Amino acid sequence: MHVISKQPFENAKKLYPNDSDALDATYKVLKESKAKSPDELRKVFPSLDNFKYVDKWWVIGIGGNNLRLIAFIEFVGGRCFIKNIVSHAEYDRITKQYREKKLKR
């Protein structure tokens, strides 16, 4: 899978140094993935879930669910654009804002 940028992972490693190894591992697995569907990617990331407020956005738990990765994933084209890597609390805040339509794509 083509991960559009590694920068979100590097930024997250600075913010969450305790989860640095998990972030590196997640990037590597995504980059090497050949998943053509959510079901295939879920075999590698059992926490994979649809971000129900935006079409084609997916959520992956990182570091035992300490962090949440939110990404636009185009399975057919094999592209992954990381939108956010945040703490669980920040993820809840972002979800609430999308649910209340305070944030848009």
PDB file of N, CA and C in Angstrom:
ATOM      1  N   MET A   1       0.850  -1.170   0.000  1.00  0.00           N
ATOM      2  CA  MET A   1       0.000   0.000   0.000  1.00  0.00           C
ATOM      3  C   MET A   1       0.896   1.234   0.000  1.00  0.00           C
ATOM      4  N   HIS A   2       0.523   2.219  -0.765  1.00  0.00           N
ATOM      5  CA  HIS A   2       1.282   3.450  -0.806  1.00  0.00           C
ATOM      6  C   HIS A   2       0.797   4.379   0.305  1.00  0.00           C
ATOM      7  N   VAL A   3       1.617   4.528   1.350  1.00  0.00           N
ATOM      8  CA  VAL A   3       1.326   5.472   2.422  1.00  0.00           C
ATOM      9  C   VAL A   3       1.840   6.817   1.936  1.00  0.00           C
ATOM     10  N   ILE A   4       0.923   7.759   1.739  1.00  0.00           N
ATOM     11  CA  ILE A   4       1.246   9.022   1.079  1.00  0.00           C
ATOM     12  C   ILE A   4       2.388   9.778   1.772  1.00  0.00           C
ATOM     13  N   SER A   5       2.416   9.782   3.101  1.00  0.00           N
ATOM     14  CA  SER A   5       3.478  10.505   3.800  1.00  0.00           C
ATOM     15  C   SER A   5       3.810   9.819   5.125  1.00  0.00           C
ATOM     16  N   LYS A   6       5.085   9.789   5.449  1.00  0.00           N
ATOM     17  CA  LYS A   6       5.515   9.239   6.733  1.00  0.00           C
ATOM     18  C   LYS A   6       5.484  10.312   7.827  1.00  0.00           C
ATOM     19  N   GLN A   7       5.355  11.568   7.424  1.00  0.00           N
ATOM     20  CA  GLN A   7       5.428  12.687   8.365  1.00  0.00           C
ATOM     21  C   GLN A   7       4.440  12.581   9.541  1.00  0.00           C
ATOM     22  N   PRO A   8       3.178  12.172   9.324  1.00  0.00           N
ATOM     23  CA  PRO A   8       2.280  12.050  10.480  1.00  0.00           C
ATOM     24  C   PRO A   8       2.806  11.075  11.537  1.00  0.00           C
ATOM     25  N   PHE A   9       3.495  10.040  11.106  1.00  0.00           N
ATOM     26  CA  PHE A   9       4.075   9.088  12.053  1.00  0.00           C
ATOM     27  C   PHE A   9       5.222   9.731  12.826  1.00  0.00           C
ATOM     28  N   GLU A  10       6.051  10.494  12.112  1.00  0.00           N
ATOM     29  CA  GLU A  10       7.169  11.182  12.767  1.00  0.00           C
ATOM     30  C   GLU A  10       6.650  12.211  13.778  1.00  0.00           C
ATOM     31  N   ASN A  11       5.618  12.950  13.405  1.00  0.00           N
ATOM     32  CA  ASN A  11       5.022  13.928  14.329  1.00  0.00           C
ATOM     33  C   ASN A  11       4.448  13.231  15.558  1.00  0.00           C
ATOM     34  N   ALA A  12       3.753  12.116  15.338  1.00  0.00           N
ATOM     35  CA  ALA A  12       3.154  11.382  16.452  1.00  0.00           C
ATOM     36  C   ALA A  12       4.224  10.820  17.386  1.00  0.00           C
ATOM     37  N   LYS A  13       5.366  10.389  16.839  1.00  0.00           N
ATOM     38  CA  LYS A  13       6.442   9.865  17.673  1.00  0.00           C
ATOM     39  C   LYS A  13       6.976  10.937  18.620  1.00  0.00           C
ATOM     40  N   LYS A  14       6.967  12.187  18.177  1.00  0.00           N
ATOM     41  CA  LYS A  14       7.396  13.286  19.053  1.00  0.00           C
ATOM     42  C   LYS A  14       6.371  13.545  20.148  1.00  0.00           C
ATOM     43  N   LEU A  15       5.090  13.454  19.788  1.00  0.00           N
ATOM     44  CA  LEU A  15       4.024  13.698  20.758  1.00  0.00           C
ATOM     45  C   LEU A  15       3.827  12.537  21.724  1.00  0.00           C
ATOM     46  N   TYR A  16       4.051  11.317  21.238  1.00  0.00           N
ATOM     47  CA  TYR A  16       3.796  10.104  22.017  1.00  0.00           C
ATOM     48  C   TYR A  16       5.026   9.195  22.000  1.00  0.00           C
ATOM     49  N   PRO A  17       6.119   9.616  22.620  1.00  0.00           N
ATOM     50  CA  PRO A  17       7.371   8.835  22.543  1.00  0.00           C
ATOM     51  C   PRO A  17       7.252   7.419  23.115  1.00  0.00           C
ATOM     52  N   ASN A  18       6.352   7.200  24.045  1.00  0.00           N
ATOM     53  CA  ASN A  18       6.188   5.848  24.614  1.00  0.00           C
ATOM     54  C   ASN A  18       5.636   4.858  23.588  1.00  0.00           C
ATOM     55  N   ASP A  19       5.005   5.371  22.545  1.00  0.00           N
ATOM     56  CA  ASP A  19       4.424   4.507  21.509  1.00  0.00           C
ATOM     57  C   ASP A  19       5.218   4.549  20.207  1.00  0.00           C
ATOM     58  N   SER A  20       6.449   5.004  20.278  1.00  0.00           N
ATOM     59  CA  SER A  20       7.296   5.154  19.098  1.00  0.00           C
ATOM     60  C   SER A  20       7.476   3.841  18.331  1.00  0.00           C
ATOM     61  N   ASP A  21       7.758   2.758  19.053  1.00  0.00           N
ATOM     62  CA  ASP A  21       7.955   1.461  18.384  1.00  0.00           C
ATOM     63  C   ASP A  21       6.674   0.991  17.694  1.00  0.00           C
ATOM     64  N   ALA A  22       5.548   1.179  18.357  1.00  0.00           N
ATOM     65  CA  ALA A  22       4.261   0.773  17.771  1.00  0.00           C
ATOM     66  C   ALA A  22       3.944   1.605  16.533  1.00  0.00           C
ATOM     67  N   LEU A  23       4.289   2.875  16.545  1.00  0.00           N
ATOM     68  CA  LEU A  23       4.072   3.739  15.374  1.00  0.00           C
ATOM     69  C   LEU A  23       4.940   3.295  14.207  1.00  0.00           C
ATOM     70  N   ASP A  24       6.207   2.988  14.499  1.00  0.00           N
ATOM     71  CA  ASP A  24       7.104   2.486  13.439  1.00  0.00           C
ATOM     72  C   ASP A  24       6.576   1.183  12.844  1.00  0.00           C
ATOM     73  N   ALA A  25       6.127   0.284  13.711  1.00  0.00           N
ATOM     74  CA  ALA A  25       5.620  -1.008  13.249  1.00  0.00           C
ATOM     75  C   ALA A  25       4.352  -0.829  12.405  1.00  0.00           C
ATOM     76  N   THR A  26       3.479   0.071  12.812  1.00  0.00           N
ATOM     77  CA  THR A  26       2.245   0.323  12.060  1.00  0.00           C
ATOM     78  C   THR A  26       2.564   0.876  10.685  1.00  0.00           C
ATOM     79  N   TYR A  27       3.485   1.825  10.623  1.00  0.00           N
ATOM     80  CA  TYR A  27       3.875   2.381   9.323  1.00  0.00           C
ATOM     81  C   TYR A  27       4.431   1.279   8.410  1.00  0.00           C
ATOM     82  N   LYS A  28       5.316   0.470   8.958  1.00  0.00           N
ATOM     83  CA  LYS A  28       5.944  -0.589   8.156  1.00  0.00           C
ATOM     84  C   LYS A  28       4.902  -1.584   7.623  1.00  0.00           C
ATOM     85  N   VAL A  29       3.989  -1.995   8.481  1.00  0.00           N
ATOM     86  CA  VAL A  29       2.967  -2.957   8.070  1.00  0.00           C
ATOM     87  C   VAL A  29       2.050  -2.347   7.011  1.00  0.00           C
ATOM     88  N   LEU A  30       1.633  -1.089   7.205  1.00  0.00           N
ATOM     89  CA  LEU A  30       0.787  -0.441   6.194  1.00  0.00           C
ATOM     90  C   LEU A  30       1.508  -0.339   4.856  1.00  0.00           C
ATOM     91  N   LYS A  31       2.761   0.095   4.917  1.00  0.00           N
ATOM     92  CA  LYS A  31       3.540   0.280   3.689  1.00  0.00           C
ATOM     93  C   LYS A  31       3.718  -1.032   2.926  1.00  0.00           C
ATOM     94  N   GLU A  32       3.895  -2.120   3.643  1.00  0.00           N
ATOM     95  CA  GLU A  32       4.131  -3.416   3.011  1.00  0.00           C
ATOM     96  C   GLU A  32       2.837  -4.163   2.674  1.00  0.00           C
ATOM     97  N   SER A  33       1.713  -3.640   3.123  1.00  0.00           N
ATOM     98  CA  SER A  33       0.438  -4.321   2.927  1.00  0.00           C
ATOM     99  C   SER A  33       0.012  -4.333   1.456  1.00  0.00           C
ATOM    100  N   LYS A  34      -0.566  -5.434   1.071  1.00  0.00           N
ATOM    101  CA  LYS A  34      -1.137  -5.595  -0.279  1.00  0.00           C
ATOM    102  C   LYS A  34      -2.661  -5.753  -0.175  1.00  0.00           C
ATOM    103  N   ALA A  35      -3.227  -5.368   0.959  1.00  0.00           N
ATOM    104  CA  ALA A  35      -4.659  -5.549   1.221  1.00  0.00           C
ATOM    105  C   ALA A  35      -5.501  -4.852   0.154  1.00  0.00           C
ATOM    106  N   LYS A  36      -6.448  -5.595  -0.387  1.00  0.00           N
ATOM    107  CA  LYS A  36      -7.345  -5.070  -1.414  1.00  0.00           C
ATOM    108  C   LYS A  36      -8.747  -4.817  -0.868  1.00  0.00           C
ATOM    109  N   SER A  37      -8.931  -5.077   0.438  1.00  0.00           N
ATOM    110  CA  SER A  37     -10.241  -4.867   1.048  1.00  0.00           C
ATOM    111  C   SER A  37     -10.057  -4.641   2.551  1.00  0.00           C
ATOM    112  N   PRO A  38     -11.077  -4.076   3.201  1.00  0.00           N
ATOM    113  CA  PRO A  38     -10.999  -3.935   4.656  1.00  0.00           C
ATOM    114  C   PRO A  38     -10.831  -5.282   5.359  1.00  0.00           C
ATOM    115  N   ASP A  39     -11.496  -6.317   4.847  1.00  0.00           N
ATOM    116  CA  ASP A  39     -11.374  -7.634   5.481  1.00  0.00           C
ATOM    117  C   ASP A  39      -9.940  -8.143   5.450  1.00  0.00           C
ATOM    118  N   GLU A  40      -9.236  -7.919   4.349  1.00  0.00           N
ATOM    119  CA  GLU A  40      -7.830  -8.340   4.252  1.00  0.00           C
ATOM    120  C   GLU A  40      -6.959  -7.549   5.228  1.00  0.00           C
ATOM    121  N   LEU A  41      -7.179  -6.241   5.316  1.00  0.00           N
ATOM    122  CA  LEU A  41      -6.369  -5.417   6.227  1.00  0.00           C
ATOM    123  C   LEU A  41      -6.703  -5.741   7.679  1.00  0.00           C
ATOM    124  N   ARG A  42      -7.944  -6.123   7.947  1.00  0.00           N
ATOM    125  CA  ARG A  42      -8.359  -6.470   9.306  1.00  0.00           C
ATOM    126  C   ARG A  42      -7.638  -7.722   9.808  1.00  0.00           C
ATOM    127  N   LYS A  43      -7.139  -8.555   8.907  1.00  0.00           N
ATOM    128  CA  LYS A  43      -6.357  -9.736   9.308  1.00  0.00           C
ATOM    129  C   LYS A  43      -5.049  -9.309   9.959  1.00  0.00           C
ATOM    130  N   VAL A  44      -4.528  -8.162   9.542  1.00  0.00           N
ATOM    131  CA  VAL A  44      -3.282  -7.632  10.093  1.00  0.00           C
ATOM    132  C   VAL A  44      -3.562  -6.673  11.251  1.00  0.00           C
ATOM    133  N   PHE A  45      -4.606  -5.872  11.097  1.00  0.00           N
ATOM    134  CA  PHE A  45      -5.015  -4.908  12.129  1.00  0.00           C
ATOM    135  C   PHE A  45      -6.438  -5.254  12.573  1.00  0.00           C
ATOM    136  N   PRO A  46      -6.574  -6.153  13.556  1.00  0.00           N
ATOM    137  CA  PRO A  46      -7.922  -6.546  13.998  1.00  0.00           C
ATOM    138  C   PRO A  46      -8.768  -5.366  14.491  1.00  0.00           C
ATOM    139  N   SER A  47      -8.127  -4.281  14.911  1.00  0.00           N
ATOM    140  CA  SER A  47      -8.861  -3.117  15.407  1.00  0.00           C
ATOM    141  C   SER A  47      -9.430  -2.241  14.289  1.00  0.00           C
ATOM    142  N   LEU A  48      -9.104  -2.545  13.031  1.00  0.00           N
ATOM    143  CA  LEU A  48      -9.569  -1.731  11.904  1.00  0.00           C
ATOM    144  C   LEU A  48     -11.081  -1.567  11.957  1.00  0.00           C
ATOM    145  N   ASP A  49     -11.526  -0.321  11.876  1.00  0.00           N
ATOM    146  CA  ASP A  49     -12.950  -0.034  11.909  1.00  0.00           C
ATOM    147  C   ASP A  49     -13.236   1.152  11.005  1.00  0.00           C
ATOM    148  N   ASN A  50     -14.444   1.199  10.499  1.00  0.00           N
ATOM    149  CA  ASN A  50     -14.873   2.307   9.664  1.00  0.00           C
ATOM    150  C   ASN A  50     -15.111   3.532  10.538  1.00  0.00           C
ATOM    151  N   PHE A  51     -14.604   4.696  10.102  1.00  0.00           N
ATOM    152  CA  PHE A  51     -14.917   5.960  10.767  1.00  0.00           C
ATOM    153  C   PHE A  51     -16.265   6.388  10.200  1.00  0.00           C
ATOM    154  N   LYS A  52     -17.331   6.131  10.947  1.00  0.00           N
ATOM    155  CA  LYS A  52     -18.669   6.179  10.373  1.00  0.00           C
ATOM    156  C   LYS A  52     -19.159   7.557   9.944  1.00  0.00           C
ATOM    157  N   TYR A  53     -18.418   8.597  10.233  1.00  0.00           N
ATOM    158  CA  TYR A  53     -18.880   9.938   9.875  1.00  0.00           C
ATOM    159  C   TYR A  53     -18.326  10.439   8.548  1.00  0.00           C
ATOM    160  N   VAL A  54     -17.327   9.737   7.989  1.00  0.00           N
ATOM    161  CA  VAL A  54     -16.743  10.133   6.708  1.00  0.00           C
ATOM    162  C   VAL A  54     -16.486   8.871   5.883  1.00  0.00           C
ATOM    163  N   ASP A  55     -17.000   8.846   4.667  1.00  0.00           N
ATOM    164  CA  ASP A  55     -16.845   7.693   3.786  1.00  0.00           C
ATOM    165  C   ASP A  55     -15.370   7.451   3.448  1.00  0.00           C
ATOM    166  N   LYS A  56     -14.979   6.192   3.461  1.00  0.00           N
ATOM    167  CA  LYS A  56     -13.630   5.729   3.131  1.00  0.00           C
ATOM    168  C   LYS A  56     -12.561   6.145   4.142  1.00  0.00           C
ATOM    169  N   TRP A  57     -12.970   6.614   5.311  1.00  0.00           N
ATOM    170  CA  TRP A  57     -12.023   6.865   6.390  1.00  0.00           C
ATOM    171  C   TRP A  57     -12.068   5.663   7.315  1.00  0.00           C
ATOM    172  N   TRP A  58     -10.890   5.262   7.762  1.00  0.00           N
ATOM    173  CA  TRP A  58     -10.751   4.075   8.601  1.00  0.00           C
ATOM    174  C   TRP A  58      -9.958   4.412   9.854  1.00  0.00           C
ATOM    175  N   VAL A  59     -10.177   3.643  10.907  1.00  0.00           N
ATOM    176  CA  VAL A  59      -9.511   3.851  12.192  1.00  0.00           C
ATOM    177  C   VAL A  59      -8.750   2.575  12.555  1.00  0.00           C
ATOM    178  N   ILE A  60      -7.513   2.758  12.999  1.00  0.00           N
ATOM    179  CA  ILE A  60      -6.678   1.647  13.454  1.00  0.00           C
ATOM    180  C   ILE A  60      -6.149   1.986  14.842  1.00  0.00           C
ATOM    181  N   GLY A  61      -6.310   1.067  15.779  1.00  0.00           N
ATOM    182  CA  GLY A  61      -5.743   1.244  17.107  1.00  0.00           C
ATOM    183  C   GLY A  61      -4.253   0.933  17.078  1.00  0.00           C
ATOM    184  N   ILE A  62      -3.479   1.759  17.756  1.00  0.00           N
ATOM    185  CA  ILE A  62      -2.018   1.589  17.803  1.00  0.00           C
ATOM    186  C   ILE A  62      -1.583   1.514  19.262  1.00  0.00           C
ATOM    187  N   GLY A  63      -0.614   0.666  19.530  1.00  0.00           N
ATOM    188  CA  GLY A  63      -0.041   0.587  20.872  1.00  0.00           C
ATOM    189  C   GLY A  63      -1.048   0.142  21.915  1.00  0.00           C
ATOM    190  N   GLY A  64      -1.801  -0.913  21.614  1.00  0.00           N
ATOM    191  CA  GLY A  64      -2.799  -1.387  22.570  1.00  0.00           C
ATOM    192  C   GLY A  64      -3.951  -0.418  22.724  1.00  0.00           C
ATOM    193  N   ASN A  65      -4.247   0.286  21.651  1.00  0.00           N
ATOM    194  CA  ASN A  65      -5.318   1.281  21.601  1.00  0.00           C
ATOM    195  C   ASN A  65      -4.995   2.552  22.389  1.00  0.00           C
ATOM    196  N   ASN A  66      -3.714   2.793  22.697  1.00  0.00           N
ATOM    197  CA  ASN A  66      -3.329   4.077  23.287  1.00  0.00           C
ATOM    198  C   ASN A  66      -3.559   5.193  22.282  1.00  0.00           C
ATOM    199  N   LEU A  67      -3.301   4.887  21.015  1.00  0.00           N
ATOM    200  CA  LEU A  67      -3.432   5.874  19.945  1.00  0.00           C
ATOM    201  C   LEU A  67      -4.417   5.376  18.909  1.00  0.00           C
ATOM    202  N   ARG A  68      -4.972   6.330  18.176  1.00  0.00           N
ATOM    203  CA  ARG A  68      -5.873   6.007  17.068  1.00  0.00           C
ATOM    204  C   ARG A  68      -5.340   6.668  15.811  1.00  0.00           C
ATOM    205  N   LEU A  69      -5.232   5.889  14.759  1.00  0.00           N
ATOM    206  CA  LEU A  69      -4.838   6.402  13.453  1.00  0.00           C
ATOM    207  C   LEU A  69      -6.119   6.525  12.624  1.00  0.00           C
ATOM    208  N   ILE A  70      -6.357   7.702  12.076  1.00  0.00           N
ATOM    209  CA  ILE A  70      -7.501   7.924  11.191  1.00  0.00           C
ATOM    210  C   ILE A  70      -6.929   8.175   9.805  1.00  0.00           C
ATOM    211  N   ALA A  71      -7.391   7.382   8.833  1.00  0.00           N
ATOM    212  CA  ALA A  71      -6.824   7.482   7.491  1.00  0.00           C
ATOM    213  C   ALA A  71      -7.897   7.317   6.424  1.00  0.00           C
ATOM    214  N   PHE A  72      -7.677   7.997   5.303  1.00  0.00           N
ATOM    215  CA  PHE A  72      -8.446   7.738   4.090  1.00  0.00           C
ATOM    216  C   PHE A  72      -7.720   6.590   3.400  1.00  0.00           C
ATOM    217  N   ILE A  73      -8.417   5.483   3.192  1.00  0.00           N
ATOM    218  CA  ILE A  73      -7.789   4.331   2.539  1.00  0.00           C
ATOM    219  C   ILE A  73      -8.586   3.986   1.290  1.00  0.00           C
ATOM    220  N   GLU A  74      -7.878   3.983   0.192  1.00  0.00           N
ATOM    221  CA  GLU A  74      -8.458   3.567  -1.079  1.00  0.00           C
ATOM    222  C   GLU A  74      -7.881   2.184  -1.384  1.00  0.00           C
ATOM    223  N   PHE A  75      -8.652   1.160  -1.089  1.00  0.00           N
ATOM    224  CA  PHE A  75      -8.156  -0.212  -1.210  1.00  0.00           C
ATOM    225  C   PHE A  75      -7.876  -0.599  -2.655  1.00  0.00           C
ATOM    226  N   VAL A  76      -8.768  -0.214  -3.578  1.00  0.00           N
ATOM    227  CA  VAL A  76      -8.589  -0.600  -4.979  1.00  0.00           C
ATOM    228  C   VAL A  76      -7.300  -0.012  -5.546  1.00  0.00           C
ATOM    229  N   GLY A  77      -7.032   1.251  -5.247  1.00  0.00           N
ATOM    230  CA  GLY A  77      -5.824   1.903  -5.737  1.00  0.00           C
ATOM    231  C   GLY A  77      -4.604   1.677  -4.866  1.00  0.00           C
ATOM    232  N   GLY A  78      -4.820   1.103  -3.680  1.00  0.00           N
ATOM    233  CA  GLY A  78      -3.699   0.817  -2.787  1.00  0.00           C
ATOM    234  C   GLY A  78      -3.053   2.051  -2.200  1.00  0.00           C
ATOM    235  N   ARG A  79      -3.883   3.050  -1.859  1.00  0.00           N
ATOM    236  CA  ARG A  79      -3.348   4.291  -1.283  1.00  0.00           C
ATOM    237  C   ARG A  79      -3.904   4.532   0.106  1.00  0.00           C
ATOM    238  N   CYS A  80      -3.057   5.103   0.958  1.00  0.00           N
ATOM    239  CA  CYS A  80      -3.430   5.411   2.336  1.00  0.00           C
ATOM    240  C   CYS A  80      -2.933   6.809   2.675  1.00  0.00           C
ATOM    241  N   PHE A  81      -3.856   7.688   3.017  1.00  0.00           N
ATOM    242  CA  PHE A  81      -3.509   9.050   3.411  1.00  0.00           C
ATOM    243  C   PHE A  81      -3.870   9.209   4.880  1.00  0.00           C
ATOM    244  N   ILE A  82      -2.868   9.412   5.704  1.00  0.00           N
ATOM    245  CA  ILE A  82      -3.080   9.540   7.147  1.00  0.00           C
ATOM    246  C   ILE A  82      -3.656  10.920   7.450  1.00  0.00           C
ATOM    247  N   LYS A  83      -4.829  10.923   8.077  1.00  0.00           N
ATOM    248  CA  LYS A  83      -5.477  12.186   8.448  1.00  0.00           C
ATOM    249  C   LYS A  83      -5.019  12.636   9.843  1.00  0.00           C
ATOM    250  N   ASN A  84      -5.047  11.715  10.799  1.00  0.00           N
ATOM    251  CA  ASN A  84      -4.675  12.034  12.178  1.00  0.00           C
ATOM    252  C   ASN A  84      -4.100  10.803  12.864  1.00  0.00           C
ATOM    253  N   ILE A  85      -3.167  11.040  13.772  1.00  0.00           N
ATOM    254  CA  ILE A  85      -2.751  10.026  14.742  1.00  0.00           C
ATOM    255  C   ILE A  85      -2.853  10.724  16.092  1.00  0.00           C
ATOM    256  N   VAL A  86      -3.796  10.269  16.905  1.00  0.00           N
ATOM    257  CA  VAL A  86      -4.129  10.985  18.133  1.00  0.00           C
ATOM    258  C   VAL A  86      -4.330  10.020  19.296  1.00  0.00           C
ATOM    259  N   SER A  87      -4.355  10.595  20.497  1.00  0.00           N
ATOM    260  CA  SER A  87      -4.655   9.797  21.682  1.00  0.00           C
ATOM    261  C   SER A  87      -6.125   9.381  21.645  1.00  0.00           C
ATOM    262  N   HIS A  88      -6.460   8.429  22.480  1.00  0.00           N
ATOM    263  CA  HIS A  88      -7.840   7.965  22.532  1.00  0.00           C
ATOM    264  C   HIS A  88      -8.786   9.106  22.909  1.00  0.00           C
ATOM    265  N   ALA A  89      -8.383   9.931  23.865  1.00  0.00           N
ATOM    266  CA  ALA A  89      -9.216  11.070  24.294  1.00  0.00           C
ATOM    267  C   ALA A  89      -9.404  12.078  23.154  1.00  0.00           C
ATOM    268  N   GLU A  90      -8.337  12.353  22.418  1.00  0.00           N
ATOM    269  CA  GLU A  90      -8.426  13.279  21.287  1.00  0.00           C
ATOM    270  C   GLU A  90      -9.317  12.691  20.194  1.00  0.00           C
ATOM    271  N   TYR A  91      -9.224  11.381  19.979  1.00  0.00           N
ATOM    272  CA  TYR A  91     -10.081  10.705  19.003  1.00  0.00           C
ATOM    273  C   TYR A  91     -11.555  10.888  19.384  1.00  0.00           C
ATOM    274  N   ASP A  92     -11.856  10.732  20.657  1.00  0.00           N
ATOM    275  CA  ASP A  92     -13.239  10.925  21.108  1.00  0.00           C
ATOM    276  C   ASP A  92     -13.712  12.348  20.834  1.00  0.00           C
ATOM    277  N   ARG A  93     -12.835  13.324  21.036  1.00  0.00           N
ATOM    278  CA  ARG A  93     -13.183  14.723  20.771  1.00  0.00           C
ATOM    279  C   ARG A  93     -13.436  14.944  19.278  1.00  0.00           C
ATOM    280  N   ILE A  94     -12.554  14.397  18.443  1.00  0.00           N
ATOM    281  CA  ILE A  94     -12.708  14.536  16.985  1.00  0.00           C
ATOM    282  C   ILE A  94     -14.008  13.874  16.523  1.00  0.00           C
ATOM    283  N   THR A  95     -14.270  12.680  17.026  1.00  0.00           N
ATOM    284  CA  THR A  95     -15.498  11.961  16.663  1.00  0.00           C
ATOM    285  C   THR A  95     -16.728  12.779  17.023  1.00  0.00           C
ATOM    286  N   LYS A  96     -16.710  13.356  18.202  1.00  0.00           N
ATOM    287  CA  LYS A  96     -17.850  14.186  18.640  1.00  0.00           C
ATOM    288  C   LYS A  96     -18.047  15.368  17.694  1.00  0.00           C
ATOM    289  N   GLN A  97     -16.963  15.996  17.277  1.00  0.00           N
ATOM    290  CA  GLN A  97     -17.078  17.144  16.377  1.00  0.00           C
ATOM    291  C   GLN A  97     -17.643  16.744  15.017  1.00  0.00           C
ATOM    292  N   TYR A  98     -17.236  15.593  14.496  1.00  0.00           N
ATOM    293  CA  TYR A  98     -17.803  15.116  13.226  1.00  0.00           C
ATOM    294  C   TYR A  98     -19.271  14.732  13.406  1.00  0.00           C
ATOM    295  N   ARG A  99     -19.576  14.086  14.521  1.00  0.00           N
ATOM    296  CA  ARG A  99     -20.956  13.671  14.777  1.00  0.00           C
ATOM    297  C   ARG A  99     -21.873  14.890  14.844  1.00  0.00           C
ATOM    298  N   GLU A 100     -21.390  15.964  15.459  1.00  0.00           N
ATOM    299  CA  GLU A 100     -22.189  17.190  15.591  1.00  0.00           C
ATOM    300  C   GLU A 100     -22.019  18.112  14.394  1.00  0.00           C
ATOM    301  N   LYS A 101     -21.288  17.631  13.377  1.00  0.00           N
ATOM    302  CA  LYS A 101     -21.065  18.349  12.120  1.00  0.00           C
ATOM    303  C   LYS A 101     -20.346  19.688  12.315  1.00  0.00           C
ATOM    304  N   LYS A 102     -19.475  19.743  13.333  1.00  0.00           N
ATOM    305  CA  LYS A 102     -18.650  20.926  13.552  1.00  0.00           C
ATOM    306  C   LYS A 102     -17.373  20.869  12.732  1.00  0.00           C
ATOM    307  N   LEU A 103     -16.992  19.663  12.316  1.00  0.00           N
ATOM    308  CA  LEU A 103     -15.844  19.471  11.436  1.00  0.00           C
ATOM    309  C   LEU A 103     -16.333  18.854  10.140  1.00  0.00           C
ATOM    310  N   LYS A 104     -15.666  19.209   9.065  1.00  0.00           N
ATOM    311  CA  LYS A 104     -15.977  18.625   7.766  1.00  0.00           C
ATOM    312  C   LYS A 104     -14.708  18.005   7.224  1.00  0.00           C
ATOM    313  N   ARG A 105     -14.907  17.123   6.241  1.00  0.00           N
ATOM    314  CA  ARG A 105     -13.784  16.472   5.588  1.00  0.00           C
ATOM    315  C   ARG A 105     -12.737  17.452   5.305  1.00  0.00           C
TER     316      ARG A 105
END
